[in-house]
Structures are given as C-alpha cells and as structure tokens.
N, C-alpha and C. Protein backbone atom coordinates (compact mmCIF):
# COMPACT_ATOMS: atom_id res chain seq x y z
N UNK A 1 272.67 104.52 230.15
CA UNK A 1 270.91 103.80 230.33
C UNK A 1 270.68 103.14 229.46
N UNK A 2 269.73 102.50 229.37
CA UNK A 2 269.50 102.31 227.94
C UNK A 2 268.01 101.32 227.89
N UNK A 3 267.09 101.50 227.17
CA UNK A 3 265.89 101.31 227.58
C UNK A 3 265.66 99.91 228.18
N UNK A 4 266.51 98.60 227.79
CA UNK A 4 265.96 97.66 228.35
C UNK A 4 266.91 97.02 229.83
N UNK A 5 267.30 98.50 230.20
CA UNK A 5 267.94 98.83 231.54
C UNK A 5 266.70 99.39 232.79
N UNK A 6 265.71 99.57 231.76
CA UNK A 6 264.44 100.51 232.82
C UNK A 6 263.90 99.31 233.44
N UNK A 7 263.54 99.11 234.79
CA UNK A 7 262.87 98.25 235.76
C UNK A 7 262.02 98.56 236.67
N UNK A 8 260.68 98.51 236.84
CA UNK A 8 260.05 98.93 237.98
C UNK A 8 261.19 99.23 239.63
N UNK A 9 260.41 99.61 240.68
CA UNK A 9 260.89 99.33 241.91
C UNK A 9 260.53 98.38 242.54
N UNK A 10 261.59 97.33 243.01
CA UNK A 10 261.54 96.21 243.80
C UNK A 10 260.11 96.15 244.33
N UNK A 11 259.31 95.25 244.50
CA UNK A 11 258.06 95.07 245.42
C UNK A 11 256.87 96.37 245.38
N UNK A 12 256.75 97.24 244.05
CA UNK A 12 256.01 98.19 243.41
C UNK A 12 254.91 97.14 243.13
N UNK A 13 255.05 96.38 242.09
CA UNK A 13 253.59 95.65 241.69
C UNK A 13 254.11 93.96 242.30
N UNK A 14 252.65 93.80 241.94
CA UNK A 14 252.37 92.38 242.70
C UNK A 14 251.35 91.59 241.69
N UNK A 15 251.98 90.04 241.51
CA UNK A 15 250.97 88.99 240.15
C UNK A 15 250.26 89.00 240.81
N UNK A 16 248.86 89.30 240.09
CA UNK A 16 247.34 88.54 240.85
C UNK A 16 247.35 87.49 241.51
N UNK A 17 246.82 86.95 242.41
CA UNK A 17 246.03 85.42 242.95
C UNK A 17 245.44 85.01 242.02
N UNK A 18 245.46 84.24 241.43
CA UNK A 18 245.09 83.11 240.96
C UNK A 18 244.07 82.19 241.90
N UNK A 19 242.93 82.28 241.75
CA UNK A 19 242.58 81.81 242.88
C UNK A 19 241.64 80.34 242.29
N UNK A 20 241.10 79.46 243.10
CA UNK A 20 240.49 77.71 242.11
C UNK A 20 241.71 77.46 240.93
N UNK A 21 242.86 77.01 241.82
CA UNK A 21 243.08 76.04 240.80
C UNK A 21 244.51 74.96 241.29
N UNK A 22 243.67 74.70 242.22
CA UNK A 22 244.21 73.27 243.04
C UNK A 22 244.85 73.66 244.44
N UNK A 23 244.63 72.63 245.37
CA UNK A 23 245.24 72.71 246.34
C UNK A 23 246.94 73.09 246.80
N UNK A 24 247.88 72.63 245.65
CA UNK A 24 249.21 73.35 245.61
C UNK A 24 249.11 74.72 245.51
N UNK A 25 248.54 75.53 245.10
CA UNK A 25 248.63 76.82 244.74
C UNK A 25 248.07 77.58 246.15
N UNK A 26 247.37 76.86 247.30
CA UNK A 26 247.18 77.69 248.41
C UNK A 26 245.97 78.33 247.99
N UNK A 27 244.90 78.57 247.36
CA UNK A 27 244.14 78.99 247.29
C UNK A 27 242.94 78.31 246.35
N UNK A 28 242.63 76.98 245.97
CA UNK A 28 242.01 75.97 245.74
C UNK A 28 241.22 76.13 246.17
N UNK A 29 240.46 74.63 245.88
CA UNK A 29 238.93 74.45 246.61
C UNK A 29 237.61 76.07 246.61
N UNK A 30 238.09 76.07 247.56
CA UNK A 30 236.68 77.09 248.07
C UNK A 30 237.83 78.30 247.67
N UNK A 31 238.62 78.78 247.56
CA UNK A 31 238.91 79.88 246.87
C UNK A 31 239.21 81.74 247.61
N UNK A 32 239.57 81.06 249.16
CA UNK A 32 239.81 82.14 250.18
C UNK A 32 238.03 82.41 250.42
N UNK A 33 236.79 82.01 249.74
CA UNK A 33 235.88 82.05 250.30
C UNK A 33 235.18 81.52 251.35
N UNK A 34 235.68 80.90 251.94
CA UNK A 34 235.17 79.82 253.39
C UNK A 34 234.52 78.86 252.64
N UNK A 35 233.26 78.26 252.98
CA UNK A 35 232.63 77.21 252.66
C UNK A 35 231.46 77.75 252.71
N UNK A 36 230.79 76.79 251.55
CA UNK A 36 229.52 77.09 251.59
C UNK A 36 228.23 78.35 251.37
N UNK A 37 227.39 78.61 251.05
CA UNK A 37 226.15 79.12 251.39
C UNK A 37 226.38 80.50 250.29
N UNK A 38 225.65 81.21 250.65
CA UNK A 38 225.23 82.65 249.66
C UNK A 38 226.31 83.18 249.71
N UNK A 39 227.12 83.75 250.51
CA UNK A 39 228.35 84.64 250.59
C UNK A 39 229.40 84.14 249.36
N UNK A 40 229.14 82.28 249.47
CA UNK A 40 230.15 81.50 248.91
C UNK A 40 229.98 81.49 247.32
N UNK A 41 228.72 82.32 246.73
CA UNK A 41 228.39 81.91 245.17
C UNK A 41 229.05 83.51 245.35
N UNK A 42 228.80 83.68 243.14
CA UNK A 42 228.94 85.11 242.64
C UNK A 42 227.67 85.65 242.77
N UNK A 43 227.53 87.21 242.99
CA UNK A 43 226.22 87.82 243.00
C UNK A 43 225.47 87.90 243.89
N UNK A 44 226.50 88.06 245.45
CA UNK A 44 225.99 88.65 246.55
C UNK A 44 224.74 89.55 247.11
N UNK A 45 223.40 89.23 247.53
CA UNK A 45 222.52 90.73 247.32
C UNK A 45 222.39 91.02 248.95
N UNK A 46 223.15 91.15 249.99
CA UNK A 46 222.01 90.95 251.00
C UNK A 46 222.85 92.26 251.88
N UNK A 47 223.42 93.26 250.96
CA UNK A 47 223.41 94.29 251.93
C UNK A 47 222.67 94.78 252.59
N UNK A 48 222.90 95.10 253.72
CA UNK A 48 221.61 96.08 254.57
C UNK A 48 221.04 94.79 255.12
N UNK A 49 220.75 93.28 254.86
CA UNK A 49 220.07 92.59 255.30
C UNK A 49 220.40 92.06 256.63
N UNK A 50 219.59 92.00 257.40
CA UNK A 50 219.92 91.54 259.09
C UNK A 50 219.06 90.49 259.85
N UNK A 51 219.01 89.21 258.95
CA UNK A 51 218.49 88.44 258.90
C UNK A 51 217.08 88.43 259.32
N UNK A 52 216.19 88.94 259.31
CA UNK A 52 214.94 88.83 259.10
C UNK A 52 214.49 90.25 260.20
N UNK A 53 216.01 90.50 260.96
CA UNK A 53 215.57 91.93 261.62
C UNK A 53 215.31 93.03 261.12
N UNK A 54 214.16 94.19 261.23
CA UNK A 54 214.26 95.20 260.61
C UNK A 54 215.35 95.80 260.67
N UNK A 55 215.86 96.14 259.21
CA UNK A 55 217.24 96.51 259.08
C UNK A 55 217.26 98.06 259.32
N UNK A 56 218.54 98.42 259.92
CA UNK A 56 218.89 99.53 260.43
C UNK A 56 218.46 100.84 259.51
N UNK A 57 218.43 101.05 258.19
CA UNK A 57 217.98 102.01 257.48
C UNK A 57 216.69 101.79 257.44
N UNK A 58 215.74 101.09 258.48
CA UNK A 58 214.41 101.27 258.28
C UNK A 58 213.97 101.35 259.24
N UNK A 59 214.68 101.17 261.04
CA UNK A 59 214.39 101.95 262.00
C UNK A 59 214.46 103.19 262.36
N UNK A 60 215.69 103.47 261.37
CA UNK A 60 215.91 105.50 261.68
C UNK A 60 214.70 106.04 261.62
N UNK A 61 214.16 106.98 262.01
CA UNK A 61 213.38 107.82 261.19
C UNK A 61 214.00 108.66 259.99
N UNK A 62 213.12 108.67 259.12
CA UNK A 62 213.15 109.61 257.93
C UNK A 62 213.78 111.32 258.19
N UNK A 63 214.29 111.93 257.67
CA UNK A 63 214.72 113.20 258.11
C UNK A 63 214.90 114.36 256.63
N UNK A 64 214.07 115.93 257.09
CA UNK A 64 214.40 116.14 255.89
C UNK A 64 213.36 116.47 255.06
N UNK A 65 213.84 117.78 253.70
CA UNK A 65 212.65 117.71 253.35
C UNK A 65 213.32 118.04 252.26
N UNK A 66 213.03 118.31 250.82
CA UNK A 66 213.29 118.95 249.33
C UNK A 66 212.16 119.86 248.82
N UNK A 67 212.35 120.48 249.19
CA UNK A 67 211.11 122.04 248.51
C UNK A 67 211.37 121.92 246.73
N UNK A 68 210.25 121.62 246.11
CA UNK A 68 210.55 120.73 244.46
C UNK A 68 210.30 122.29 244.26
N UNK A 69 210.10 123.54 244.80
CA UNK A 69 209.85 124.66 244.35
C UNK A 69 211.04 125.93 244.61
N UNK A 70 212.13 125.19 245.31
CA UNK A 70 213.46 126.23 245.52
C UNK A 70 213.45 126.58 244.56
N UNK A 71 214.57 127.45 244.47
CA UNK A 71 215.11 128.05 243.34
C UNK A 71 216.83 128.54 243.64
N UNK A 72 217.62 127.82 242.70
CA UNK A 72 219.43 127.42 243.00
C UNK A 72 219.58 128.94 242.31
N UNK A 73 220.05 130.22 242.67
CA UNK A 73 220.28 131.00 241.91
C UNK A 73 222.21 131.14 241.78
N UNK A 74 222.24 132.13 241.09
CA UNK A 74 223.68 131.74 240.73
C UNK A 74 224.37 133.08 241.44
N UNK A 75 225.03 133.34 242.77
CA UNK A 75 224.99 134.31 243.46
C UNK A 75 226.06 134.88 243.05
N UNK A 76 226.25 136.42 242.68
CA UNK A 76 227.66 137.42 241.95
C UNK A 76 227.33 138.30 243.01
N UNK A 77 228.71 138.63 243.14
CA UNK A 77 229.14 139.72 243.51
C UNK A 77 229.36 141.19 242.50
N UNK A 78 228.81 142.14 243.14
CA UNK A 78 229.47 143.51 242.09
C UNK A 78 230.99 143.38 242.25
N UNK A 79 231.46 143.00 243.09
CA UNK A 79 232.95 143.10 242.32
C UNK A 79 233.59 142.30 241.90
N UNK A 80 232.97 141.40 241.61
CA UNK A 80 232.90 140.01 240.51
C UNK A 80 232.95 141.02 239.19
N UNK A 81 231.91 141.69 239.09
CA UNK A 81 231.17 142.36 237.56
C UNK A 81 231.99 143.31 237.63
N UNK A 82 232.43 143.94 238.78
CA UNK A 82 233.63 144.98 237.98
C UNK A 82 234.74 144.72 237.51
N UNK A 83 235.64 143.67 238.12
CA UNK A 83 236.50 142.64 237.71
C UNK A 83 236.48 142.14 236.42
N UNK A 84 235.12 141.63 236.26
CA UNK A 84 235.17 141.66 234.38
C UNK A 84 235.63 143.21 233.11
N UNK A 85 234.74 143.42 233.94
CA UNK A 85 234.47 144.94 232.93
C UNK A 85 235.88 145.33 232.97
N UNK A 86 236.48 145.39 233.60
CA UNK A 86 237.84 146.00 233.88
C UNK A 86 238.47 145.42 232.95
N UNK A 87 238.53 143.94 232.66
CA UNK A 87 239.47 143.20 232.02
C UNK A 87 239.00 142.79 230.50
N UNK A 88 237.84 143.46 230.12
CA UNK A 88 237.40 143.91 229.03
C UNK A 88 236.18 142.68 228.71
N UNK A 89 235.81 141.54 229.86
CA UNK A 89 234.93 140.45 229.54
C UNK A 89 234.10 140.68 229.20
N UNK A 90 233.36 141.56 229.84
CA UNK A 90 231.93 142.46 229.96
C UNK A 90 232.01 143.91 229.28
N UNK A 91 230.65 143.84 228.46
CA UNK A 91 230.81 145.00 227.41
C UNK A 91 229.81 145.99 228.37
N UNK A 92 230.09 146.80 228.80
CA UNK A 92 229.34 148.05 229.64
C UNK A 92 228.21 148.64 228.85
N UNK A 93 228.30 148.40 227.66
CA UNK A 93 227.55 149.19 227.02
C UNK A 93 226.24 148.48 226.72
N UNK A 94 226.04 146.70 226.91
CA UNK A 94 225.32 145.65 226.73
C UNK A 94 224.57 145.59 228.23
N UNK A 95 223.37 145.06 227.87
CA UNK A 95 222.58 144.61 229.67
C UNK A 95 223.53 143.46 229.95
N UNK A 96 223.43 143.54 230.96
CA UNK A 96 224.50 142.60 232.21
C UNK A 96 223.18 141.40 232.54
N UNK A 97 223.33 140.16 231.48
CA UNK A 97 222.22 139.02 231.44
C UNK A 97 222.71 137.96 232.33
N UNK A 98 222.52 136.45 232.14
CA UNK A 98 222.45 135.29 232.50
C UNK A 98 223.60 135.12 231.30
N UNK A 99 223.14 135.03 230.62
CA UNK A 99 224.14 134.65 229.18
C UNK A 99 225.24 135.64 229.10
N UNK A 100 225.52 136.74 229.19
CA UNK A 100 226.15 137.64 229.33
C UNK A 100 227.33 137.40 230.06
N UNK A 101 226.88 136.91 231.65
CA UNK A 101 227.91 136.32 232.34
C UNK A 101 228.76 135.29 231.82
N UNK A 102 227.72 134.20 231.05
CA UNK A 102 228.43 133.24 231.22
C UNK A 102 229.65 133.46 229.88
N UNK A 103 228.98 133.51 229.70
CA UNK A 103 230.51 134.49 228.26
C UNK A 103 231.64 134.92 228.47
N UNK A 104 231.14 135.38 229.52
CA UNK A 104 232.66 136.35 230.26
C UNK A 104 233.12 136.09 230.82
N UNK A 105 232.90 134.25 231.48
CA UNK A 105 233.66 133.61 232.55
C UNK A 105 233.01 134.01 233.97
N UNK A 106 232.29 134.73 234.08
CA UNK A 106 231.77 134.69 235.41
C UNK A 106 231.22 134.01 236.32
N UNK A 107 230.45 133.22 235.24
CA UNK A 107 229.69 132.48 236.12
C UNK A 107 230.20 130.81 235.00
N UNK A 108 229.74 129.48 235.89
CA UNK A 108 230.05 128.32 234.74
C UNK A 108 228.69 127.71 233.83
N UNK A 109 227.89 127.84 235.30
CA UNK A 109 226.81 127.39 234.43
C UNK A 109 225.76 127.81 235.03
N UNK A 110 223.99 127.77 234.17
CA UNK A 110 223.18 128.18 234.60
C UNK A 110 222.24 127.59 235.25
N UNK A 111 222.14 128.17 236.27
CA UNK A 111 220.97 127.36 236.88
C UNK A 111 219.71 128.03 236.77
N UNK A 112 218.73 128.68 238.14
CA UNK A 112 217.54 128.99 238.10
C UNK A 112 218.00 130.73 237.52
N UNK A 113 218.72 130.95 237.45
CA UNK A 113 218.99 132.75 237.41
C UNK A 113 220.52 133.18 238.08
N UNK A 114 220.44 134.47 237.80
CA UNK A 114 221.74 135.32 238.62
C UNK A 114 220.85 136.23 239.97
N UNK A 115 221.78 135.81 241.29
CA UNK A 115 221.31 136.80 241.90
C UNK A 115 222.64 137.63 242.31
N UNK A 116 222.43 139.10 242.37
CA UNK A 116 223.36 139.73 242.15
C UNK A 116 223.92 140.12 243.50
N UNK A 117 224.45 140.29 244.16
CA UNK A 117 224.87 140.60 245.41
C UNK A 117 225.89 141.63 246.28
N UNK A 118 225.65 142.87 246.81
CA UNK A 118 226.51 143.80 247.10
C UNK A 118 227.89 143.50 247.62
N UNK A 119 228.48 142.78 247.58
CA UNK A 119 229.63 142.77 248.17
C UNK A 119 230.35 143.23 247.15
N UNK A 120 231.77 144.12 247.48
CA UNK A 120 232.42 144.85 246.57
C UNK A 120 231.52 145.70 246.02
N UNK A 121 233.13 147.01 245.53
CA UNK A 121 232.36 148.25 244.62
C UNK A 121 232.59 147.81 243.04
N UNK A 122 231.50 149.13 242.76
CA UNK A 122 231.12 148.77 241.51
C UNK A 122 231.14 150.51 240.82
N UNK A 123 232.04 150.59 239.83
CA UNK A 123 232.41 152.06 239.37
C UNK A 123 231.51 151.99 237.79
N UNK A 124 231.34 151.26 236.70
CA UNK A 124 230.91 151.16 235.61
C UNK A 124 229.17 150.80 235.76
N UNK A 125 228.72 152.32 235.23
CA UNK A 125 227.33 152.23 234.20
C UNK A 125 226.46 150.98 233.82
N UNK A 126 226.02 150.37 234.68
CA UNK A 126 225.60 149.06 233.73
C UNK A 126 223.88 148.66 234.16
N UNK A 127 223.51 148.32 232.94
CA UNK A 127 222.24 147.83 233.32
C UNK A 127 221.97 146.13 233.33
N UNK A 128 221.41 146.05 234.75
CA UNK A 128 221.22 144.42 235.03
C UNK A 128 219.90 143.96 234.28
N UNK A 129 219.97 142.51 233.87
CA UNK A 129 218.54 142.29 233.66
C UNK A 129 218.90 141.27 234.24
N UNK A 130 218.29 140.48 235.31
CA UNK A 130 219.05 139.30 236.56
C UNK A 130 217.23 138.76 237.36
N UNK A 131 217.53 137.42 237.62
CA UNK A 131 216.21 137.30 238.55
C UNK A 131 216.13 137.61 239.46
N UNK A 132 217.53 138.17 240.37
CA UNK A 132 216.96 138.51 241.72
C UNK A 132 218.13 139.55 241.74
N UNK A 133 217.91 140.44 242.80
CA UNK A 133 219.65 141.34 243.63
C UNK A 133 219.11 141.56 244.62
N UNK A 134 220.14 141.92 246.22
CA UNK A 134 219.85 142.18 247.51
C UNK A 134 219.62 143.68 247.51
N UNK A 135 219.44 143.99 248.45
CA UNK A 135 219.09 145.77 248.17
C UNK A 135 220.47 146.46 248.41
N UNK A 136 221.27 145.86 248.83
CA UNK A 136 222.42 146.71 248.90
C UNK A 136 223.33 146.91 247.61
N UNK A 137 223.07 145.69 246.87
CA UNK A 137 223.48 145.48 245.43
C UNK A 137 222.94 146.92 244.72
N UNK A 138 221.36 146.52 245.02
CA UNK A 138 220.77 148.23 244.29
C UNK A 138 220.94 149.14 244.41
N UNK A 139 221.15 149.33 245.25
CA UNK A 139 221.54 150.79 246.20
C UNK A 139 222.77 151.18 245.41
N UNK A 140 223.90 150.35 245.29
CA UNK A 140 225.18 150.36 244.33
C UNK A 140 224.84 150.48 243.26
N UNK A 141 224.28 150.21 242.65
CA UNK A 141 223.96 150.01 240.92
C UNK A 141 223.21 151.75 240.66
N UNK A 142 222.26 152.05 241.43
CA UNK A 142 221.81 153.16 240.93
C UNK A 142 222.62 154.19 241.08
N UNK A 143 223.42 153.94 242.32
CA UNK A 143 224.45 155.20 242.95
C UNK A 143 225.24 155.71 241.85
N UNK A 144 225.94 154.33 241.04
CA UNK A 144 226.80 155.02 240.29
C UNK A 144 226.01 155.08 238.80
N UNK A 145 224.50 155.33 238.09
CA UNK A 145 223.82 155.76 237.77
C UNK A 145 222.98 154.18 236.77
N UNK A 146 223.52 153.03 237.38
CA UNK A 146 222.82 151.79 237.05
C UNK A 146 221.45 151.58 236.81
N UNK A 147 220.62 150.64 236.47
CA UNK A 147 219.89 150.30 236.57
C UNK A 147 219.58 148.39 237.01
N UNK A 148 218.69 148.66 237.70
CA UNK A 148 218.57 146.97 237.81
C UNK A 148 216.42 146.30 237.49
N UNK A 149 216.93 145.63 236.05
CA UNK A 149 215.44 145.26 236.00
C UNK A 149 215.16 143.85 236.56
N UNK A 150 214.30 143.29 237.35
CA UNK A 150 214.44 141.73 237.83
C UNK A 150 213.66 141.33 236.55
N UNK A 151 213.84 139.73 236.20
CA UNK A 151 213.08 139.20 235.35
C UNK A 151 211.72 139.13 235.91
N UNK A 152 210.68 138.43 235.31
CA UNK A 152 209.24 137.95 235.82
C UNK A 152 209.68 136.71 235.75
N UNK A 153 210.29 135.86 235.49
CA UNK A 153 210.08 134.86 235.14
C UNK A 153 210.69 134.15 237.15
N UNK A 154 211.32 134.79 237.43
CA UNK A 154 211.85 134.57 238.50
C UNK A 154 210.52 134.70 240.08
N UNK A 155 209.72 136.10 239.74
CA UNK A 155 208.85 136.13 240.22
C UNK A 155 207.45 135.38 240.85
N UNK A 156 207.58 134.77 239.45
CA UNK A 156 205.90 133.77 239.24
C UNK A 156 206.66 132.22 239.84
C-alpha cells in the first residue's frame, strides 16, 4: 500500500450543494427556500413568534425561585480525606483547609467553602478549618483526637 492508494470509504463524504446557481443545478432561483416572505430572506428572527397570539413561553406560569443567599459547599466525606492522607497528598500535621484540599486534589474548584460529611472512616488526627461539618463528622473527628474549627465567613 502506498500513500497514493489511500482513499476514503465510498459514500462517506458528500459534496456540498451549491444553491442559487441556475435552473439546471436543481437548486436555482429560490435556492430551496420556498417563495418570498421573511423566511426566504437571511437573518430570520421569528423563533417563538406565533402570529400575534400570546406565545406559549409567555402563557405558561413562571416557576421556581433562585435564592441569592444560598451557599454551594464542596462536600467531602471523611473516607476521601483519609485516602488522601494515606496517599501522602495531605499533610496530617498541617490544618485541613480549602486550599490544602485543592492542592491535594480532593476537590477541583473552590465554591463557597468546604463541608465535611461523616461517611467513611478516619484514623488520622487532623485539625480541620472548614465552613461547615455534619454532626457525625465532628463526632468522628473528635473521637480520634482531631479538632474542627468552623470559619466565621460561613456563619455570617
């Protein structure tokens, strides 16, 4: 086989249709757009327009509510933190903060802070400085001799 023998599979690509190039081409005159009117022109801007009737997207009621004061925490389980400590990615002597968890690759991006959840086992004695923690997580951390300090920015 040589480079000049290479070819695409038959029927895998089609030539593009050249519209508006005369009657003989089969796509001349109106170029497949029908006849006259706004839709025959370029730049049609009538999506959602129903001929003056109140459009569906305005007839239906608005639903839902976005709370501007809501907080979106990075939720991390104790088992995941223990894995990072065992892998040597988290320093057990330094406090466990948002920045430390990002550096260790436990979380990918900082949201509004970190919330520690109590799923999984923890055996390392760690000092946490986080935005929030569940009661079960606090109990498990204090059971192995660690501490949890909740940051003031989360409370305000």
